[in-house]
C-alpha cells in the first residue's frame, strides 16, 4: 500500500555551516556524518541562505507491503523536467515525532511512477 501523507514546496539552501532543507516552513539541517550517512535534523533556529541549491515540490509517502518499493517512508523532491529524487526515511521524521532521521538516496520513484501511469492513460 502506498499512501501520500504530505506534499508541498521545498527549498534546499546552503549556509556557511551546513545545508538546510525546508519542507514548507519546517527546517531540517542536512548532515553528512562519517560512518553513519545522511541525517536530517529538525532545526528551530533561523537560517540565512548563502546559496539556494534547489527548490520545487516535494511529496512524502508511507509504503507498506509493496513488492516494487522499500517499506519505509519515502521523501521525493522534484528536480524539474519530470525528474524526482527519492530518499528513504529510515525513522519517523520528517513529518514525524523524532527530531533526527537517517535518509538514504534511492532510485525508487513513486511520483515518477504515477506520472508514467497518467501519461499512459492519456495515450
PDB file of N, CA and C in Angstrom:
ATOM      1  N   UNK A   1       0.843  -1.172   0.000  1.00  0.00           N
ATOM      2  CA  UNK A   1       0.000   0.000   0.000  1.00  0.00           C
ATOM      3  C   UNK A   1       0.893   1.242   0.000  1.00  0.00           C
ATOM      4  N   UNK A   2       0.573   2.166  -0.867  1.00  0.00           N
ATOM      5  CA  UNK A   2       1.281   3.444  -0.928  1.00  0.00           C
ATOM      6  C   UNK A   2       0.283   4.529  -0.561  1.00  0.00           C
ATOM      7  N   UNK A   3       0.648   5.316   0.452  1.00  0.00           N
ATOM      8  CA  UNK A   3      -0.249   6.376   0.916  1.00  0.00           C
ATOM      9  C   UNK A   3       0.511   7.694   0.920  1.00  0.00           C
ATOM     10  N   UNK A   4       0.009   8.683   0.191  1.00  0.00           N
ATOM     11  CA  UNK A   4       0.598  10.025   0.217  1.00  0.00           C
ATOM     12  C   UNK A   4       0.216  10.663   1.551  1.00  0.00           C
ATOM     13  N   UNK A   5       1.219  11.106   2.317  1.00  0.00           N
ATOM     14  CA  UNK A   5       0.931  11.679   3.629  1.00  0.00           C
ATOM     15  C   UNK A   5       1.201  13.177   3.712  1.00  0.00           C
ATOM     16  N   UNK A   6       1.998  13.697   2.792  1.00  0.00           N
ATOM     17  CA  UNK A   6       2.294  15.122   2.839  1.00  0.00           C
ATOM     18  C   UNK A   6       2.859  15.558   1.495  1.00  0.00           C
ATOM     19  N   UNK A   7       2.538  16.779   1.095  1.00  0.00           N
ATOM     20  CA  UNK A   7       3.167  17.364  -0.087  1.00  0.00           C
ATOM     21  C   UNK A   7       3.211  18.873   0.089  1.00  0.00           C
ATOM     22  N   UNK A   8       4.044  19.504  -0.695  1.00  0.00           N
ATOM     23  CA  UNK A   8       4.180  20.944  -0.588  1.00  0.00           C
ATOM     24  C   UNK A   8       5.377  21.429  -1.367  1.00  0.00           C
ATOM     25  N   UNK A   9       5.954  22.531  -0.909  1.00  0.00           N
ATOM     26  CA  UNK A   9       7.112  23.142  -1.557  1.00  0.00           C
ATOM     27  C   UNK A   9       8.346  22.943  -0.689  1.00  0.00           C
ATOM     28  N   UNK A  10       9.477  22.671  -1.345  1.00  0.00           N
ATOM     29  CA  UNK A  10      10.741  22.547  -0.622  1.00  0.00           C
ATOM     30  C   UNK A  10      11.734  23.574  -1.155  1.00  0.00           C
ATOM     31  N   UNK A  11      12.729  23.828  -0.326  1.00  0.00           N
ATOM     32  CA  UNK A  11      13.854  24.676  -0.729  1.00  0.00           C
ATOM     33  C   UNK A  11      15.084  24.118  -0.027  1.00  0.00           C
ATOM     34  N   UNK A  12      16.131  23.871  -0.775  1.00  0.00           N
ATOM     35  CA  UNK A  12      17.405  23.398  -0.226  1.00  0.00           C
ATOM     36  C   UNK A  12      18.396  24.543  -0.338  1.00  0.00           C
ATOM     37  N   UNK A  13      18.905  24.978   0.817  1.00  0.00           N
ATOM     38  CA  UNK A  13      19.848  26.092   0.836  1.00  0.00           C
ATOM     39  C   UNK A  13      21.166  25.643   1.430  1.00  0.00           C
ATOM     40  N   UNK A  14      22.172  26.464   1.217  1.00  0.00           N
ATOM     41  CA  UNK A  14      23.475  26.228   1.825  1.00  0.00           C
ATOM     42  C   UNK A  14      23.820  27.464   2.648  1.00  0.00           C
ATOM     43  N   UNK A  15      24.196  27.240   3.902  1.00  0.00           N
ATOM     44  CA  UNK A  15      24.676  28.309   4.760  1.00  0.00           C
ATOM     45  C   UNK A  15      26.178  28.114   4.921  1.00  0.00           C
ATOM     46  N   UNK A  16      26.789  28.956   5.698  1.00  0.00           N
ATOM     47  CA  UNK A  16      28.230  28.772   5.940  1.00  0.00           C
ATOM     48  C   UNK A  16      28.521  27.497   6.717  1.00  0.00           C
ATOM     49  N   UNK A  17      27.571  27.041   7.507  1.00  0.00           N
ATOM     50  CA  UNK A  17      27.788  25.858   8.345  1.00  0.00           C
ATOM     51  C   UNK A  17      27.261  24.558   7.746  1.00  0.00           C
ATOM     52  N   UNK A  18      26.156  24.619   7.015  1.00  0.00           N
ATOM     53  CA  UNK A  18      25.510  23.363   6.599  1.00  0.00           C
ATOM     54  C   UNK A  18      24.528  23.612   5.465  1.00  0.00           C
ATOM     55  N   UNK A  19      23.983  22.502   4.975  1.00  0.00           N
ATOM     56  CA  UNK A  19      22.850  22.554   4.060  1.00  0.00           C
ATOM     57  C   UNK A  19      21.586  22.452   4.901  1.00  0.00           C
ATOM     58  N   UNK A  20      20.548  23.148   4.460  1.00  0.00           N
ATOM     59  CA  UNK A  20      19.280  23.140   5.194  1.00  0.00           C
ATOM     60  C   UNK A  20      18.162  22.878   4.195  1.00  0.00           C
ATOM     61  N   UNK A  21      17.313  21.891   4.516  1.00  0.00           N
ATOM     62  CA  UNK A  21      16.169  21.547   3.694  1.00  0.00           C
ATOM     63  C   UNK A  21      14.915  22.073   4.378  1.00  0.00           C
ATOM     64  N   UNK A  22      14.179  22.929   3.674  1.00  0.00           N
ATOM     65  CA  UNK A  22      12.897  23.408   4.166  1.00  0.00           C
ATOM     66  C   UNK A  22      11.800  22.629   3.465  1.00  0.00           C
ATOM     67  N   UNK A  23      10.949  21.974   4.245  1.00  0.00           N
ATOM     68  CA  UNK A  23       9.736  21.356   3.726  1.00  0.00           C
ATOM     69  C   UNK A  23       8.611  22.276   4.184  1.00  0.00           C
ATOM     70  N   UNK A  24       8.067  23.034   3.261  1.00  0.00           N
ATOM     71  CA  UNK A  24       7.189  24.150   3.570  1.00  0.00           C
ATOM     72  C   UNK A  24       7.959  25.087   4.498  1.00  0.00           C
ATOM     73  N   UNK A  25       7.525  25.296   5.716  1.00  0.00           N
ATOM     74  CA  UNK A  25       8.234  26.227   6.613  1.00  0.00           C
ATOM     75  C   UNK A  25       9.071  25.506   7.667  1.00  0.00           C
ATOM     76  N   UNK A  26       9.081  24.175   7.641  1.00  0.00           N
ATOM     77  CA  UNK A  26       9.846  23.399   8.621  1.00  0.00           C
ATOM     78  C   UNK A  26      11.259  23.169   8.092  1.00  0.00           C
ATOM     79  N   UNK A  27      12.251  23.511   8.915  1.00  0.00           N
ATOM     80  CA  UNK A  27      13.658  23.416   8.503  1.00  0.00           C
ATOM     81  C   UNK A  27      14.311  22.166   9.079  1.00  0.00           C
ATOM     82  N   UNK A  28      15.116  21.504   8.243  1.00  0.00           N
ATOM     83  CA  UNK A  28      15.912  20.350   8.643  1.00  0.00           C
ATOM     84  C   UNK A  28      17.344  20.592   8.198  1.00  0.00           C
ATOM     85  N   UNK A  29      18.280  20.521   9.134  1.00  0.00           N
ATOM     86  CA  UNK A  29      19.693  20.608   8.774  1.00  0.00           C
ATOM     87  C   UNK A  29      20.073  19.265   8.164  1.00  0.00           C
ATOM     88  N   UNK A  30      20.739  19.307   7.011  1.00  0.00           N
ATOM     89  CA  UNK A  30      21.125  18.106   6.270  1.00  0.00           C
ATOM     90  C   UNK A  30      22.591  17.851   6.568  1.00  0.00           C
ATOM     91  N   UNK A  31      22.855  16.808   7.328  1.00  0.00           N
ATOM     92  CA  UNK A  31      24.205  16.494   7.789  1.00  0.00           C
ATOM     93  C   UNK A  31      24.726  15.235   7.116  1.00  0.00           C
ATOM     94  N   UNK A  32      26.007  15.231   6.824  1.00  0.00           N
ATOM     95  CA  UNK A  32      26.701  14.026   6.349  1.00  0.00           C
ATOM     96  C   UNK A  32      27.648  13.617   7.468  1.00  0.00           C
ATOM     97  N   UNK A  33      27.342  12.501   8.128  1.00  0.00           N
ATOM     98  CA  UNK A  33      28.125  12.048   9.272  1.00  0.00           C
ATOM     99  C   UNK A  33      28.913  10.809   8.865  1.00  0.00           C
ATOM    100  N   UNK A  34      30.255  10.905   8.911  1.00  0.00           N
ATOM    101  CA  UNK A  34      31.084   9.754   8.521  1.00  0.00           C
ATOM    102  C   UNK A  34      30.723   8.502   9.328  1.00  0.00           C
ATOM    103  N   UNK A  35      30.603   7.387   8.644  1.00  0.00           N
ATOM    104  CA  UNK A  35      30.286   6.123   9.289  1.00  0.00           C
ATOM    105  C   UNK A  35      28.799   5.911   9.531  1.00  0.00           C
ATOM    106  N   UNK A  36      27.997   6.967   9.403  1.00  0.00           N
ATOM    107  CA  UNK A  36      26.548   6.862   9.615  1.00  0.00           C
ATOM    108  C   UNK A  36      25.801   7.147   8.325  1.00  0.00           C
ATOM    109  N   UNK A  37      26.153   8.249   7.665  1.00  0.00           N
ATOM    110  CA  UNK A  37      25.494   8.611   6.414  1.00  0.00           C
ATOM    111  C   UNK A  37      24.802   9.949   6.519  1.00  0.00           C
ATOM    112  N   UNK A  38      23.742  10.108   5.755  1.00  0.00           N
ATOM    113  CA  UNK A  38      22.998  11.363   5.676  1.00  0.00           C
ATOM    114  C   UNK A  38      21.936  11.406   6.773  1.00  0.00           C
ATOM    115  N   UNK A  39      21.845  12.552   7.451  1.00  0.00           N
ATOM    116  CA  UNK A  39      20.890  12.753   8.539  1.00  0.00           C
ATOM    117  C   UNK A  39      20.135  14.050   8.278  1.00  0.00           C
ATOM    118  N   UNK A  40      18.832  14.027   8.488  1.00  0.00           N
ATOM    119  CA  UNK A  40      18.046  15.258   8.549  1.00  0.00           C
ATOM    120  C   UNK A  40      17.721  15.499  10.014  1.00  0.00           C
ATOM    121  N   UNK A  41      18.055  16.686  10.506  1.00  0.00           N
ATOM    122  CA  UNK A  41      17.797  17.027  11.903  1.00  0.00           C
ATOM    123  C   UNK A  41      16.913  18.258  11.967  1.00  0.00           C
ATOM    124  N   UNK A  42      15.798  18.137  12.670  1.00  0.00           N
ATOM    125  CA  UNK A  42      14.861  19.239  12.831  1.00  0.00           C
ATOM    126  C   UNK A  42      15.577  20.438  13.423  1.00  0.00           C
ATOM    127  N   UNK A  43      15.350  21.611  12.851  1.00  0.00           N
ATOM    128  CA  UNK A  43      16.004  22.822  13.312  1.00  0.00           C
ATOM    129  C   UNK A  43      14.961  23.875  13.628  1.00  0.00           C
ATOM    130  N   UNK A  44      15.099  24.478  14.786  1.00  0.00           N
ATOM    131  CA  UNK A  44      14.199  25.560  15.162  1.00  0.00           C
ATOM    132  C   UNK A  44      14.901  26.908  15.088  1.00  0.00           C
ATOM    133  N   UNK A  45      16.153  26.906  14.631  1.00  0.00           N
ATOM    134  CA  UNK A  45      16.936  28.131  14.505  1.00  0.00           C
ATOM    135  C   UNK A  45      16.678  28.768  13.143  1.00  0.00           C
ATOM    136  N   UNK A  46      16.770  30.086  13.065  1.00  0.00           N
ATOM    137  CA  UNK A  46      16.665  30.728  11.750  1.00  0.00           C
ATOM    138  C   UNK A  46      17.915  30.442  10.917  1.00  0.00           C
ATOM    139  N   UNK A  47      17.749  30.357   9.610  1.00  0.00           N
ATOM    140  CA  UNK A  47      18.861  30.071   8.707  1.00  0.00           C
ATOM    141  C   UNK A  47      18.869  31.088   7.577  1.00  0.00           C
ATOM    142  N   UNK A  48      20.025  31.697   7.356  1.00  0.00           N
ATOM    143  CA  UNK A  48      20.194  32.649   6.277  1.00  0.00           C
ATOM    144  C   UNK A  48      20.916  31.938   5.134  1.00  0.00           C
ATOM    145  N   UNK A  49      20.318  31.971   3.961  1.00  0.00           N
ATOM    146  CA  UNK A  49      20.867  31.265   2.804  1.00  0.00           C
ATOM    147  C   UNK A  49      22.032  32.033   2.203  1.00  0.00           C
ATOM    148  N   UNK A  50      23.167  31.364   2.062  1.00  0.00           N
ATOM    149  CA  UNK A  50      24.256  31.891   1.258  1.00  0.00           C
ATOM    150  C   UNK A  50      24.006  31.557  -0.208  1.00  0.00           C
ATOM    151  N   UNK A  51      23.417  30.354  -0.433  1.00  0.00           N
ATOM    152  CA  UNK A  51      23.108  29.892  -1.788  1.00  0.00           C
ATOM    153  C   UNK A  51      21.821  29.080  -1.739  1.00  0.00           C
ATOM    154  N   UNK A  52      21.004  29.207  -2.761  1.00  0.00           N
ATOM    155  CA  UNK A  52      19.856  28.324  -2.938  1.00  0.00           C
ATOM    156  C   UNK A  52      20.303  27.227  -3.898  1.00  0.00           C
ATOM    157  N   UNK A  53      20.280  25.997  -3.438  1.00  0.00           N
ATOM    158  CA  UNK A  53      20.743  24.864  -4.244  1.00  0.00           C
ATOM    159  C   UNK A  53      19.640  24.270  -5.107  1.00  0.00           C
ATOM    160  N   UNK A  54      18.425  24.232  -4.571  1.00  0.00           N
ATOM    161  CA  UNK A  54      17.296  23.657  -5.318  1.00  0.00           C
ATOM    162  C   UNK A  54      15.999  24.095  -4.659  1.00  0.00           C
ATOM    163  N   UNK A  55      14.936  24.078  -5.445  1.00  0.00           N
ATOM    164  CA  UNK A  55      13.607  24.326  -4.902  1.00  0.00           C
ATOM    165  C   UNK A  55      12.575  23.726  -5.838  1.00  0.00           C
ATOM    166  N   UNK A  56      11.427  23.410  -5.279  1.00  0.00           N
ATOM    167  CA  UNK A  56      10.369  22.812  -6.082  1.00  0.00           C
ATOM    168  C   UNK A  56       9.338  22.151  -5.189  1.00  0.00           C
ATOM    169  N   UNK A  57       8.682  21.148  -5.720  1.00  0.00           N
ATOM    170  CA  UNK A  57       7.656  20.406  -4.991  1.00  0.00           C
ATOM    171  C   UNK A  57       8.278  19.197  -4.307  1.00  0.00           C
ATOM    172  N   UNK A  58       7.645  18.771  -3.214  1.00  0.00           N
ATOM    173  CA  UNK A  58       8.052  17.524  -2.555  1.00  0.00           C
ATOM    174  C   UNK A  58       6.812  16.717  -2.216  1.00  0.00           C
ATOM    175  N   UNK A  59       7.028  15.432  -2.000  1.00  0.00           N
ATOM    176  CA  UNK A  59       5.977  14.519  -1.554  1.00  0.00           C
ATOM    177  C   UNK A  59       6.568  13.532  -0.567  1.00  0.00           C
ATOM    178  N   UNK A  60       5.770  13.170   0.433  1.00  0.00           N
ATOM    179  CA  UNK A  60       6.155  12.121   1.388  1.00  0.00           C
ATOM    180  C   UNK A  60       5.091  11.031   1.320  1.00  0.00           C
ATOM    181  N   UNK A  61       5.554   9.791   1.206  1.00  0.00           N
ATOM    182  CA  UNK A  61       4.672   8.633   1.108  1.00  0.00           C
ATOM    183  C   UNK A  61       4.996   7.641   2.228  1.00  0.00           C
ATOM    184  N   UNK A  62       3.957   6.969   2.744  1.00  0.00           N
ATOM    185  CA  UNK A  62       4.130   5.776   3.571  1.00  0.00           C
ATOM    186  C   UNK A  62       3.992   4.585   2.642  1.00  0.00           C
ATOM    187  N   UNK A  63       4.933   3.660   2.712  1.00  0.00           N
ATOM    188  CA  UNK A  63       4.908   2.479   1.848  1.00  0.00           C
ATOM    189  C   UNK A  63       4.966   1.234   2.721  1.00  0.00           C
ATOM    190  N   UNK A  64       4.012   0.336   2.502  1.00  0.00           N
ATOM    191  CA  UNK A  64       3.980  -0.945   3.207  1.00  0.00           C
ATOM    192  C   UNK A  64       3.547  -2.040   2.237  1.00  0.00           C
ATOM    193  N   UNK A  65       4.227  -3.164   2.308  1.00  0.00           N
ATOM    194  CA  UNK A  65       3.849  -4.364   1.548  1.00  0.00           C
ATOM    195  C   UNK A  65       3.705  -4.117   0.048  1.00  0.00           C
ATOM    196  N   UNK A  66       4.618  -3.343  -0.500  1.00  0.00           N
ATOM    197  CA  UNK A  66       4.651  -3.127  -1.945  1.00  0.00           C
ATOM    198  C   UNK A  66       5.907  -3.804  -2.485  1.00  0.00           C
ATOM    199  N   UNK A  67       5.773  -4.773  -3.366  1.00  0.00           N
ATOM    200  CA  UNK A  67       6.949  -5.521  -3.827  1.00  0.00           C
ATOM    201  C   UNK A  67       7.969  -4.681  -4.595  1.00  0.00           C
ATOM    202  N   UNK A  68       7.552  -3.570  -5.213  1.00  0.00           N
ATOM    203  CA  UNK A  68       8.465  -2.756  -6.022  1.00  0.00           C
ATOM    204  C   UNK A  68       9.182  -1.676  -5.208  1.00  0.00           C
ATOM    205  N   UNK A  69       8.757  -1.466  -3.934  1.00  0.00           N
ATOM    206  CA  UNK A  69       9.311  -0.365  -3.148  1.00  0.00           C
ATOM    207  C   UNK A  69       9.702  -0.829  -1.756  1.00  0.00           C
ATOM    208  N   UNK A  70      10.702  -0.175  -1.188  1.00  0.00           N
ATOM    209  CA  UNK A  70      11.139  -0.459   0.181  1.00  0.00           C
ATOM    210  C   UNK A  70      10.063  -0.007   1.162  1.00  0.00           C
ATOM    211  N   UNK A  71       9.899  -0.776   2.235  1.00  0.00           N
ATOM    212  CA  UNK A  71       8.897  -0.466   3.247  1.00  0.00           C
ATOM    213  C   UNK A  71       9.461   0.560   4.227  1.00  0.00           C
ATOM    214  N   UNK A  72       9.366   1.799   3.854  1.00  0.00           N
ATOM    215  CA  UNK A  72       9.797   2.947   4.660  1.00  0.00           C
ATOM    216  C   UNK A  72       8.985   4.137   4.206  1.00  0.00           C
ATOM    217  N   UNK A  73       9.149   5.242   4.922  1.00  0.00           N
ATOM    218  CA  UNK A  73       8.644   6.498   4.376  1.00  0.00           C
ATOM    219  C   UNK A  73       9.553   6.898   3.230  1.00  0.00           C
ATOM    220  N   UNK A  74       8.962   7.497   2.207  1.00  0.00           N
ATOM    221  CA  UNK A  74       9.706   7.971   1.044  1.00  0.00           C
ATOM    222  C   UNK A  74       9.526   9.479   0.938  1.00  0.00           C
ATOM    223  N   UNK A  75      10.627  10.192   0.827  1.00  0.00           N
ATOM    224  CA  UNK A  75      10.620  11.619   0.537  1.00  0.00           C
ATOM    225  C   UNK A  75      11.068  11.777  -0.902  1.00  0.00           C
ATOM    226  N   UNK A  76      10.290  12.493  -1.695  1.00  0.00           N
ATOM    227  CA  UNK A  76      10.669  12.718  -3.088  1.00  0.00           C
ATOM    228  C   UNK A  76      10.680  14.208  -3.378  1.00  0.00           C
ATOM    229  N   UNK A  77      11.793  14.665  -3.956  1.00  0.00           N
ATOM    230  CA  UNK A  77      11.990  16.066  -4.300  1.00  0.00           C
ATOM    231  C   UNK A  77      11.955  16.212  -5.809  1.00  0.00           C
ATOM    232  N   UNK A  78      11.135  17.130  -6.295  1.00  0.00           N
ATOM    233  CA  UNK A  78      11.027  17.367  -7.733  1.00  0.00           C
ATOM    234  C   UNK A  78      12.232  18.178  -8.195  1.00  0.00           C
ATOM    235  N   UNK A  79      12.924  17.680  -9.211  1.00  0.00           N
ATOM    236  CA  UNK A  79      14.130  18.326  -9.720  1.00  0.00           C
ATOM    237  C   UNK A  79      13.862  19.159 -10.961  1.00  0.00           C
ATOM    238  N   UNK A  80      12.770  18.897 -11.637  1.00  0.00           N
ATOM    239  CA  UNK A  80      12.447  19.581 -12.883  1.00  0.00           C
ATOM    240  C   UNK A  80      12.417  18.608 -14.041  1.00  0.00           C
ATOM    241  N   UNK A  81      11.755  19.002 -15.108  1.00  0.00           N
ATOM    242  CA  UNK A  81      11.655  18.196 -16.320  1.00  0.00           C
ATOM    243  C   UNK A  81      11.200  16.765 -16.052  1.00  0.00           C
ATOM    244  N   UNK A  82      10.239  16.599 -15.149  1.00  0.00           N
ATOM    245  CA  UNK A  82       9.678  15.285 -14.852  1.00  0.00           C
ATOM    246  C   UNK A  82      10.541  14.395 -13.979  1.00  0.00           C
ATOM    247  N   UNK A  83      11.644  14.903 -13.454  1.00  0.00           N
ATOM    248  CA  UNK A  83      12.577  14.096 -12.651  1.00  0.00           C
ATOM    249  C   UNK A  83      12.339  14.320 -11.153  1.00  0.00           C
ATOM    250  N   UNK A  84      12.293  13.216 -10.409  1.00  0.00           N
ATOM    251  CA  UNK A  84      12.155  13.242  -8.956  1.00  0.00           C
ATOM    252  C   UNK A  84      13.338  12.508  -8.348  1.00  0.00           C
ATOM    253  N   UNK A  85      13.874  13.030  -7.243  1.00  0.00           N
ATOM    254  CA  UNK A  85      14.915  12.331  -6.486  1.00  0.00           C
ATOM    255  C   UNK A  85      14.265  11.771  -5.236  1.00  0.00           C
ATOM    256  N   UNK A  86      14.396  10.462  -5.053  1.00  0.00           N
ATOM    257  CA  UNK A  86      13.791   9.799  -3.910  1.00  0.00           C
ATOM    258  C   UNK A  86      14.787   9.552  -2.795  1.00  0.00           C
ATOM    259  N   UNK A  87      14.273   9.592  -1.558  1.00  0.00           N
ATOM    260  CA  UNK A  87      15.048   9.281  -0.358  1.00  0.00           C
ATOM    261  C   UNK A  87      14.197   8.391   0.529  1.00  0.00           C
ATOM    262  N   UNK A  88      14.816   7.382   1.103  1.00  0.00           N
ATOM    263  CA  UNK A  88      14.154   6.564   2.114  1.00  0.00           C
ATOM    264  C   UNK A  88      14.395   7.222   3.461  1.00  0.00           C
ATOM    265  N   UNK A  89      13.327   7.404   4.229  1.00  0.00           N
ATOM    266  CA  UNK A  89      13.435   7.968   5.572  1.00  0.00           C
ATOM    267  C   UNK A  89      13.412   6.789   6.536  1.00  0.00           C
ATOM    268  N   UNK A  90      14.520   6.568   7.204  1.00  0.00           N
ATOM    269  CA  UNK A  90      14.675   5.338   7.993  1.00  0.00           C
ATOM    270  C   UNK A  90      14.206   5.472   9.432  1.00  0.00           C
ATOM    271  N   UNK A  91      13.609   6.597   9.790  1.00  0.00           N
ATOM    272  CA  UNK A  91      12.916   6.752  11.078  1.00  0.00           C
ATOM    273  C   UNK A  91      11.735   7.677  10.847  1.00  0.00           C
ATOM    274  N   UNK A  92      11.060   8.116  11.901  1.00  0.00           N
ATOM    275  CA  UNK A  92       9.739   8.721  11.715  1.00  0.00           C
ATOM    276  C   UNK A  92       9.710  10.185  11.285  1.00  0.00           C
ATOM    277  N   UNK A  93      10.813  10.906  11.212  1.00  0.00           N
ATOM    278  CA  UNK A  93      10.779  12.297  10.722  1.00  0.00           C
ATOM    279  C   UNK A  93      11.218  12.308   9.272  1.00  0.00           C
ATOM    280  N   UNK A  94      11.031  13.277   8.472  1.00  0.00           N
ATOM    281  CA  UNK A  94      10.208  14.445   8.674  1.00  0.00           C
ATOM    282  C   UNK A  94       8.727  14.084   8.750  1.00  0.00           C
ATOM    283  N   UNK A  95       7.960  15.023   9.205  1.00  0.00           N
ATOM    284  CA  UNK A  95       6.516  14.843   9.405  1.00  0.00           C
ATOM    285  C   UNK A  95       6.251  13.737  10.424  1.00  0.00           C
ATOM    286  N   UNK A  96       7.162  13.539  11.340  1.00  0.00           N
ATOM    287  CA  UNK A  96       7.001  12.543  12.382  1.00  0.00           C
ATOM    288  C   UNK A  96       7.321  13.158  13.729  1.00  0.00           C
ATOM    289  N   UNK A  97       7.718  12.328  14.662  1.00  0.00           N
ATOM    290  CA  UNK A  97       7.910  12.802  16.021  1.00  0.00           C
ATOM    291  C   UNK A  97       9.367  12.917  16.433  1.00  0.00           C
ATOM    292  N   UNK A  98      10.260  12.238  15.768  1.00  0.00           N
ATOM    293  CA  UNK A  98      11.675  12.316  16.127  1.00  0.00           C
ATOM    294  C   UNK A  98      12.294  13.568  15.533  1.00  0.00           C
ATOM    295  N   UNK A  99      13.358  14.047  16.171  1.00  0.00           N
ATOM    296  CA  UNK A  99      14.000  15.252  15.649  1.00  0.00           C
ATOM    297  C   UNK A  99      15.096  14.922  14.636  1.00  0.00           C
ATOM    298  N   UNK A 100      15.502  13.647  14.533  1.00  0.00           N
ATOM    299  CA  UNK A 100      16.527  13.227  13.568  1.00  0.00           C
ATOM    300  C   UNK A 100      16.056  12.023  12.779  1.00  0.00           C
ATOM    301  N   UNK A 101      16.462  12.017  11.525  1.00  0.00           N
ATOM    302  CA  UNK A 101      16.147  10.877  10.661  1.00  0.00           C
ATOM    303  C   UNK A 101      17.330  10.583   9.764  1.00  0.00           C
ATOM    304  N   UNK A 102      17.656   9.323   9.657  1.00  0.00           N
ATOM    305  CA  UNK A 102      18.647   8.917   8.670  1.00  0.00           C
ATOM    306  C   UNK A 102      17.920   8.793   7.346  1.00  0.00           C
ATOM    307  N   UNK A 103      18.533   9.319   6.273  1.00  0.00           N
ATOM    308  CA  UNK A 103      17.934   9.210   4.948  1.00  0.00           C
ATOM    309  C   UNK A 103      18.954   8.597   3.993  1.00  0.00           C
ATOM    310  N   UNK A 104      18.439   7.893   3.010  1.00  0.00           N
ATOM    311  CA  UNK A 104      19.283   7.240   2.021  1.00  0.00           C
ATOM    312  C   UNK A 104      18.691   7.527   0.645  1.00  0.00           C
ATOM    313  N   UNK A 105      19.514   8.034  -0.265  1.00  0.00           N
ATOM    314  CA  UNK A 105      19.061   8.270  -1.631  1.00  0.00           C
ATOM    315  C   UNK A 105      18.699   6.938  -2.284  1.00  0.00           C
ATOM    316  N   UNK A 106      17.666   6.962  -3.106  1.00  0.00           N
ATOM    317  CA  UNK A 106      17.210   5.760  -3.776  1.00  0.00           C
ATOM    318  C   UNK A 106      16.806   6.091  -5.211  1.00  0.00           C
ATOM    319  N   UNK A 107      16.815   5.082  -6.052  1.00  0.00           N
ATOM    320  CA  UNK A 107      16.329   5.262  -7.419  1.00  0.00           C
ATOM    321  C   UNK A 107      14.827   4.997  -7.502  1.00  0.00           C
ATOM    322  N   UNK A 108      14.223   4.534  -6.414  1.00  0.00           N
ATOM    323  CA  UNK A 108      12.787   4.296  -6.395  1.00  0.00           C
ATOM    324  C   UNK A 108      12.061   5.635  -6.495  1.00  0.00           C
ATOM    325  N   UNK A 109      11.074   5.724  -7.379  1.00  0.00           N
ATOM    326  CA  UNK A 109      10.329   6.969  -7.554  1.00  0.00           C
ATOM    327  C   UNK A 109       8.840   6.679  -7.662  1.00  0.00           C
ATOM    328  N   UNK A 110       8.123   6.962  -6.604  1.00  0.00           N
ATOM    329  CA  UNK A 110       6.676   6.771  -6.605  1.00  0.00           C
ATOM    330  C   UNK A 110       6.026   7.860  -7.457  1.00  0.00           C
ATOM    331  N   UNK A 111       6.477   9.104  -7.308  1.00  0.00           N
ATOM    332  CA  UNK A 111       5.923  10.206  -8.101  1.00  0.00           C
ATOM    333  C   UNK A 111       6.178   9.978  -9.580  1.00  0.00           C
ATOM    334  N   UNK A 112       7.356   9.519  -9.926  1.00  0.00           N
ATOM    335  CA  UNK A 112       7.671   9.223 -11.318  1.00  0.00           C
ATOM    336  C   UNK A 112       6.792   8.119 -11.868  1.00  0.00           C
ATOM    337  N   UNK A 113       6.504   7.118 -11.040  1.00  0.00           N
ATOM    338  CA  UNK A 113       5.631   6.015 -11.447  1.00  0.00           C
ATOM    339  C   UNK A 113       4.225   6.523 -11.713  1.00  0.00           C
ATOM    340  N   UNK A 114       3.706   7.395 -10.842  1.00  0.00           N
ATOM    341  CA  UNK A 114       2.353   7.908 -11.039  1.00  0.00           C
ATOM    342  C   UNK A 114       2.286   8.786 -12.284  1.00  0.00           C
ATOM    343  N   UNK A 115       3.377   9.507 -12.597  1.00  0.00           N
ATOM    344  CA  UNK A 115       3.401  10.304 -13.819  1.00  0.00           C
ATOM    345  C   UNK A 115       3.373   9.403 -15.045  1.00  0.00           C
ATOM    346  N   UNK A 116       4.109   8.292 -15.003  1.00  0.00           N
ATOM    347  CA  UNK A 116       4.113   7.365 -16.132  1.00  0.00           C
ATOM    348  C   UNK A 116       2.726   6.773 -16.340  1.00  0.00           C
ATOM    349  N   UNK A 117       2.041   6.430 -15.231  1.00  0.00           N
ATOM    350  CA  UNK A 117       0.696   5.865 -15.341  1.00  0.00           C
ATOM    351  C   UNK A 117      -0.265   6.871 -15.948  1.00  0.00           C
ATOM    352  N   UNK A 118      -0.177   8.139 -15.510  1.00  0.00           N
ATOM    353  CA  UNK A 118      -1.103   9.138 -16.050  1.00  0.00           C
ATOM    354  C   UNK A 118      -0.808   9.421 -17.511  1.00  0.00           C
ATOM    355  N   UNK A 119       0.453   9.374 -17.928  1.00  0.00           N
ATOM    356  CA  UNK A 119       0.782   9.572 -19.334  1.00  0.00           C
ATOM    357  C   UNK A 119       0.276   8.402 -20.163  1.00  0.00           C
ATOM    358  N   UNK A 120       0.355   7.183 -19.631  1.00  0.00           N
ATOM    359  CA  UNK A 120      -0.087   6.004 -20.360  1.00  0.00           C
ATOM    360  C   UNK A 120      -1.607   6.029 -20.560  1.00  0.00           C
ATOM    361  N   UNK A 121      -2.361   6.558 -19.603  1.00  0.00           N
ATOM    362  CA  UNK A 121      -3.799   6.599 -19.752  1.00  0.00           C
ATOM    363  C   UNK A 121      -4.236   7.681 -20.735  1.00  0.00           C
ATOM    364  N   UNK A 122      -3.386   8.695 -20.966  1.00  0.00           N
ATOM    365  CA  UNK A 122      -3.709   9.748 -21.925  1.00  0.00           C
ATOM    366  C   UNK A 122      -3.483   9.317 -23.364  1.00  0.00           C
ATOM    367  N   UNK A 123      -2.603   8.327 -23.589  1.00  0.00           N
ATOM    368  CA  UNK A 123      -2.278   7.940 -24.972  1.00  0.00           C
ATOM    369  C   UNK A 123      -3.165   6.814 -25.462  1.00  0.00           C
TER     370      UNK A 123
END
